């Protein structure tokens, strides 16, 4: 699920448009910029280093990226603005992704 946030300069806060077609819809209005909300990394320092190095070299797509997603380890969620602080952890990476989406959805409703 793609979540696109439109941030207004005024005090009106944020609005969301959900769905895969949001980029196409918004590109008619002007440039679209996508930003990362969080990092989901392995907890262990060596695994995290290997994960980040492999993702840097091979990007987030392809066989190597798919393989890194299957690692059996403790996965952590860190917000982009505070990557040194773990906000959620779980042994299942998919659970971390689900938690992240739910948290972002709640933030959008505020």
N, C-alpha and C. Protein backbone atom coordinates (compact mmCIF):
# COMPACT_ATOMS: atom_id res chain seq x y z
N UNK A 1 0.84 -1.18 0.00
CA UNK A 1 0.00 0.00 0.00
C UNK A 1 0.88 1.23 0.00
N UNK A 2 0.64 2.14 -0.92
CA UNK A 2 1.33 3.42 -0.95
C UNK A 2 0.54 4.43 -0.15
N UNK A 3 1.23 5.20 0.65
CA UNK A 3 0.59 6.30 1.37
C UNK A 3 1.29 7.57 0.92
N UNK A 4 0.53 8.47 0.37
CA UNK A 4 1.08 9.74 -0.08
C UNK A 4 0.58 10.82 0.85
N UNK A 5 1.49 11.60 1.38
CA UNK A 5 1.13 12.68 2.28
C UNK A 5 1.29 14.00 1.54
N UNK A 6 0.27 14.79 1.60
CA UNK A 6 0.34 16.13 1.04
C UNK A 6 0.45 17.08 2.23
N UNK A 7 1.57 17.74 2.34
CA UNK A 7 1.79 18.63 3.47
C UNK A 7 1.52 20.07 3.03
N UNK A 8 0.69 20.74 3.77
CA UNK A 8 0.36 22.13 3.49
C UNK A 8 1.28 23.04 4.29
N UNK A 9 1.56 24.20 3.77
CA UNK A 9 2.40 25.15 4.49
C UNK A 9 1.69 25.77 5.67
N UNK A 10 0.39 25.81 5.62
CA UNK A 10 -0.38 26.42 6.70
C UNK A 10 -0.59 25.47 7.86
N UNK A 11 -1.46 25.86 8.76
CA UNK A 11 -1.71 25.08 9.99
C UNK A 11 -2.74 23.97 9.77
N UNK A 12 -3.09 23.70 8.53
CA UNK A 12 -4.15 22.72 8.27
C UNK A 12 -3.69 21.28 8.45
N UNK A 13 -2.40 21.04 8.64
CA UNK A 13 -1.92 19.67 8.87
C UNK A 13 -1.69 18.92 7.58
N UNK A 14 -1.96 17.61 7.60
CA UNK A 14 -1.69 16.75 6.45
C UNK A 14 -2.96 16.04 6.01
N UNK A 15 -2.97 15.69 4.76
CA UNK A 15 -4.05 14.89 4.19
C UNK A 15 -3.42 13.70 3.50
N UNK A 16 -4.17 12.64 3.31
CA UNK A 16 -3.61 11.45 2.68
C UNK A 16 -4.44 11.01 1.50
N UNK A 17 -3.77 10.54 0.51
CA UNK A 17 -4.40 9.87 -0.62
C UNK A 17 -3.77 8.48 -0.65
N UNK A 18 -4.61 7.46 -0.60
CA UNK A 18 -4.09 6.09 -0.53
C UNK A 18 -4.30 5.39 -1.86
N UNK A 19 -3.35 4.54 -2.19
CA UNK A 19 -3.50 3.71 -3.38
C UNK A 19 -2.33 3.84 -4.32
N UNK A 20 -2.22 2.87 -5.19
CA UNK A 20 -1.09 2.81 -6.11
C UNK A 20 -1.14 3.93 -7.15
N UNK A 21 -2.32 4.47 -7.44
CA UNK A 21 -2.45 5.50 -8.46
C UNK A 21 -2.22 6.91 -7.94
N UNK A 22 -1.85 7.04 -6.67
CA UNK A 22 -1.71 8.37 -6.09
C UNK A 22 -0.60 9.18 -6.75
N UNK A 23 0.51 8.53 -7.12
CA UNK A 23 1.60 9.27 -7.78
C UNK A 23 1.13 9.83 -9.12
N UNK A 24 0.42 9.03 -9.88
CA UNK A 24 -0.08 9.47 -11.18
C UNK A 24 -1.06 10.62 -11.01
N UNK A 25 -1.96 10.49 -10.05
CA UNK A 25 -2.94 11.54 -9.78
C UNK A 25 -2.25 12.84 -9.39
N UNK A 26 -1.30 12.76 -8.47
CA UNK A 26 -0.65 13.96 -7.98
C UNK A 26 0.34 14.56 -8.98
N UNK A 27 0.89 13.75 -9.86
CA UNK A 27 1.85 14.29 -10.83
C UNK A 27 1.20 15.30 -11.77
N UNK A 28 -0.11 15.23 -11.91
CA UNK A 28 -0.82 16.22 -12.73
C UNK A 28 -0.81 17.59 -12.06
N UNK A 29 -0.66 17.62 -10.74
CA UNK A 29 -0.67 18.87 -9.99
C UNK A 29 0.74 19.47 -9.91
N UNK A 30 1.74 18.62 -9.84
CA UNK A 30 3.11 19.10 -9.72
C UNK A 30 4.05 17.95 -9.40
N UNK A 31 5.31 18.27 -9.10
CA UNK A 31 6.29 17.22 -8.82
C UNK A 31 5.91 16.42 -7.57
N UNK A 32 6.16 15.12 -7.63
CA UNK A 32 5.86 14.23 -6.51
C UNK A 32 7.18 13.77 -5.91
N UNK A 33 7.30 13.90 -4.60
CA UNK A 33 8.51 13.48 -3.90
C UNK A 33 8.14 12.40 -2.90
N UNK A 34 8.83 11.27 -2.99
CA UNK A 34 8.58 10.16 -2.08
C UNK A 34 9.71 10.12 -1.06
N UNK A 35 9.33 10.00 0.21
CA UNK A 35 10.34 9.93 1.27
C UNK A 35 10.09 8.71 2.14
N UNK A 36 11.15 8.15 2.64
CA UNK A 36 11.08 7.00 3.53
C UNK A 36 10.57 7.44 4.89
N UNK A 37 9.72 6.60 5.51
CA UNK A 37 9.18 6.90 6.83
C UNK A 37 10.01 6.24 7.94
N UNK A 38 10.52 5.03 7.65
CA UNK A 38 11.25 4.31 8.68
C UNK A 38 12.26 3.36 8.06
N UNK A 39 13.09 2.80 8.92
CA UNK A 39 14.03 1.75 8.54
C UNK A 39 13.62 0.49 9.29
N UNK A 40 13.62 -0.64 8.62
CA UNK A 40 13.40 -1.92 9.28
C UNK A 40 14.68 -2.71 9.06
N UNK A 41 15.45 -2.81 10.14
CA UNK A 41 16.77 -3.41 10.10
C UNK A 41 16.88 -4.53 11.12
N UNK A 42 17.81 -5.48 10.89
CA UNK A 42 18.09 -6.48 11.93
C UNK A 42 18.66 -5.81 13.18
N UNK A 43 18.41 -6.42 14.34
CA UNK A 43 18.88 -5.84 15.61
C UNK A 43 20.39 -5.96 15.79
N UNK A 44 20.94 -7.14 15.52
CA UNK A 44 22.37 -7.37 15.74
C UNK A 44 23.24 -6.48 14.88
N UNK A 45 24.31 -5.96 15.47
CA UNK A 45 25.16 -5.01 14.77
C UNK A 45 25.78 -5.60 13.49
N UNK A 46 26.29 -6.83 13.56
CA UNK A 46 26.89 -7.44 12.37
C UNK A 46 25.86 -7.75 11.30
N UNK A 47 24.70 -8.26 11.72
CA UNK A 47 23.63 -8.51 10.74
C UNK A 47 23.15 -7.21 10.11
N UNK A 48 23.01 -6.17 10.93
CA UNK A 48 22.55 -4.88 10.42
C UNK A 48 23.56 -4.32 9.41
N UNK A 49 24.84 -4.45 9.72
CA UNK A 49 25.89 -3.98 8.83
C UNK A 49 25.85 -4.75 7.51
N UNK A 50 25.73 -6.08 7.59
CA UNK A 50 25.65 -6.91 6.38
C UNK A 50 24.39 -6.57 5.57
N UNK A 51 23.27 -6.42 6.26
CA UNK A 51 22.00 -6.09 5.60
C UNK A 51 22.11 -4.77 4.85
N UNK A 52 22.63 -3.76 5.51
CA UNK A 52 22.73 -2.44 4.89
C UNK A 52 23.72 -2.44 3.73
N UNK A 53 24.83 -3.17 3.88
CA UNK A 53 25.82 -3.26 2.80
C UNK A 53 25.23 -3.97 1.58
N UNK A 54 24.54 -5.09 1.83
CA UNK A 54 23.93 -5.82 0.71
C UNK A 54 22.85 -4.98 0.03
N UNK A 55 22.06 -4.28 0.81
CA UNK A 55 21.02 -3.43 0.23
C UNK A 55 21.62 -2.25 -0.54
N UNK A 56 22.76 -1.74 -0.07
CA UNK A 56 23.42 -0.65 -0.77
C UNK A 56 23.95 -1.14 -2.13
N UNK A 57 24.57 -2.32 -2.13
CA UNK A 57 25.17 -2.85 -3.36
C UNK A 57 24.11 -3.37 -4.33
N UNK A 58 23.12 -4.11 -3.81
CA UNK A 58 22.15 -4.77 -4.68
C UNK A 58 20.78 -4.10 -4.72
N UNK A 59 20.63 -2.99 -4.01
CA UNK A 59 19.37 -2.24 -3.96
C UNK A 59 18.31 -3.06 -3.22
N UNK A 60 17.09 -2.57 -3.17
CA UNK A 60 16.03 -3.21 -2.42
C UNK A 60 15.21 -4.20 -3.22
N UNK A 61 15.62 -4.48 -4.44
CA UNK A 61 14.88 -5.39 -5.32
C UNK A 61 15.79 -6.55 -5.71
N UNK A 62 15.20 -7.61 -6.19
CA UNK A 62 15.97 -8.73 -6.71
C UNK A 62 16.15 -9.86 -5.71
N UNK A 63 16.94 -10.84 -6.11
CA UNK A 63 17.11 -12.06 -5.33
C UNK A 63 17.82 -11.83 -4.00
N UNK A 64 18.83 -10.98 -4.00
CA UNK A 64 19.57 -10.73 -2.75
C UNK A 64 18.67 -10.02 -1.75
N UNK A 65 17.92 -9.04 -2.20
CA UNK A 65 16.99 -8.33 -1.31
C UNK A 65 15.93 -9.28 -0.76
N UNK A 66 15.41 -10.13 -1.63
CA UNK A 66 14.41 -11.12 -1.19
C UNK A 66 15.02 -12.06 -0.15
N UNK A 67 16.25 -12.46 -0.36
CA UNK A 67 16.93 -13.34 0.60
C UNK A 67 17.10 -12.65 1.95
N UNK A 68 17.49 -11.37 1.96
CA UNK A 68 17.69 -10.67 3.24
C UNK A 68 16.38 -10.56 4.02
N UNK A 69 15.26 -10.52 3.33
CA UNK A 69 13.96 -10.44 4.00
C UNK A 69 13.60 -11.72 4.75
N UNK A 70 14.26 -12.81 4.42
CA UNK A 70 13.95 -14.10 5.04
C UNK A 70 14.82 -14.41 6.25
N UNK A 71 15.75 -13.54 6.58
CA UNK A 71 16.65 -13.80 7.70
C UNK A 71 15.86 -13.99 8.99
N UNK A 72 16.22 -15.01 9.74
CA UNK A 72 15.59 -15.27 11.04
C UNK A 72 16.39 -14.54 12.11
N UNK A 73 15.85 -13.40 12.48
CA UNK A 73 16.53 -12.54 13.44
C UNK A 73 15.50 -11.62 14.08
N UNK A 74 15.92 -10.84 15.03
CA UNK A 74 15.06 -9.81 15.61
C UNK A 74 15.13 -8.59 14.70
N UNK A 75 13.97 -8.18 14.19
CA UNK A 75 13.88 -7.02 13.30
C UNK A 75 13.45 -5.80 14.11
N UNK A 76 13.99 -4.65 13.78
CA UNK A 76 13.67 -3.42 14.50
C UNK A 76 13.12 -2.37 13.55
N UNK A 77 12.24 -1.53 14.08
CA UNK A 77 11.70 -0.40 13.33
C UNK A 77 12.27 0.87 13.96
N UNK A 78 12.77 1.74 13.11
CA UNK A 78 13.33 3.03 13.55
C UNK A 78 12.79 4.12 12.62
N UNK A 79 12.28 5.20 13.17
CA UNK A 79 11.80 6.30 12.34
C UNK A 79 13.00 7.00 11.71
N UNK A 80 12.80 7.52 10.53
CA UNK A 80 13.87 8.17 9.79
C UNK A 80 14.48 9.35 10.56
N UNK A 81 13.64 10.10 11.25
CA UNK A 81 14.16 11.27 11.95
C UNK A 81 14.92 10.91 13.23
N UNK A 82 14.83 9.64 13.69
CA UNK A 82 15.57 9.17 14.87
C UNK A 82 16.06 7.74 14.63
N UNK A 83 16.99 7.52 13.68
CA UNK A 83 17.41 6.15 13.36
C UNK A 83 18.19 5.46 14.49
N UNK A 84 18.59 6.22 15.50
CA UNK A 84 19.31 5.63 16.64
C UNK A 84 18.36 5.04 17.68
N UNK A 85 17.06 5.29 17.54
CA UNK A 85 16.06 4.86 18.54
C UNK A 85 15.13 3.79 17.97
N UNK A 86 15.09 2.63 18.61
CA UNK A 86 14.21 1.55 18.19
C UNK A 86 12.83 1.81 18.76
N UNK A 87 11.81 1.82 17.88
CA UNK A 87 10.44 2.09 18.33
C UNK A 87 9.58 0.83 18.37
N UNK A 88 10.06 -0.23 17.71
CA UNK A 88 9.31 -1.51 17.71
C UNK A 88 10.27 -2.59 17.28
N UNK A 89 10.08 -3.80 17.79
CA UNK A 89 10.92 -4.95 17.40
C UNK A 89 10.08 -6.22 17.42
N UNK A 90 10.42 -7.14 16.51
CA UNK A 90 9.71 -8.42 16.44
C UNK A 90 10.58 -9.40 15.66
N UNK A 91 10.39 -10.68 15.93
CA UNK A 91 11.14 -11.72 15.21
C UNK A 91 10.66 -11.90 13.78
N UNK A 92 9.48 -11.37 13.46
CA UNK A 92 8.90 -11.50 12.14
C UNK A 92 8.95 -10.14 11.44
N UNK A 93 9.65 -10.06 10.31
CA UNK A 93 9.79 -8.79 9.59
C UNK A 93 8.44 -8.27 9.11
N UNK A 94 7.57 -9.19 8.68
CA UNK A 94 6.24 -8.78 8.22
C UNK A 94 5.43 -8.12 9.33
N UNK A 95 5.61 -8.59 10.56
CA UNK A 95 4.93 -7.97 11.69
C UNK A 95 5.43 -6.54 11.88
N UNK A 96 6.72 -6.32 11.68
CA UNK A 96 7.27 -4.96 11.76
C UNK A 96 6.68 -4.07 10.68
N UNK A 97 6.55 -4.59 9.48
CA UNK A 97 5.96 -3.81 8.38
C UNK A 97 4.50 -3.47 8.67
N UNK A 98 3.77 -4.46 9.19
CA UNK A 98 2.36 -4.23 9.53
C UNK A 98 2.25 -3.17 10.63
N UNK A 99 3.09 -3.26 11.65
CA UNK A 99 3.09 -2.28 12.74
C UNK A 99 3.36 -0.88 12.18
N UNK A 100 4.35 -0.79 11.29
CA UNK A 100 4.71 0.50 10.70
C UNK A 100 3.52 1.09 9.94
N UNK A 101 2.87 0.28 9.10
CA UNK A 101 1.73 0.78 8.32
C UNK A 101 0.59 1.24 9.23
N UNK A 102 0.30 0.46 10.28
CA UNK A 102 -0.76 0.84 11.22
C UNK A 102 -0.43 2.14 11.92
N UNK A 103 0.81 2.29 12.35
CA UNK A 103 1.24 3.49 13.05
C UNK A 103 1.16 4.71 12.12
N UNK A 104 1.61 4.56 10.89
CA UNK A 104 1.53 5.67 9.93
C UNK A 104 0.08 6.02 9.63
N UNK A 105 -0.76 5.02 9.51
CA UNK A 105 -2.18 5.26 9.27
C UNK A 105 -2.80 6.04 10.42
N UNK A 106 -2.45 5.68 11.64
CA UNK A 106 -2.97 6.41 12.82
C UNK A 106 -2.48 7.86 12.82
N UNK A 107 -1.22 8.05 12.46
CA UNK A 107 -0.66 9.41 12.43
C UNK A 107 -1.37 10.25 11.38
N UNK A 108 -1.76 9.62 10.27
CA UNK A 108 -2.44 10.35 9.20
C UNK A 108 -3.83 10.81 9.64
N UNK A 109 -4.46 10.04 10.52
CA UNK A 109 -5.82 10.38 10.96
C UNK A 109 -5.84 11.49 12.00
N UNK A 110 -4.71 11.77 12.59
CA UNK A 110 -4.67 12.81 13.64
C UNK A 110 -4.78 14.19 13.06
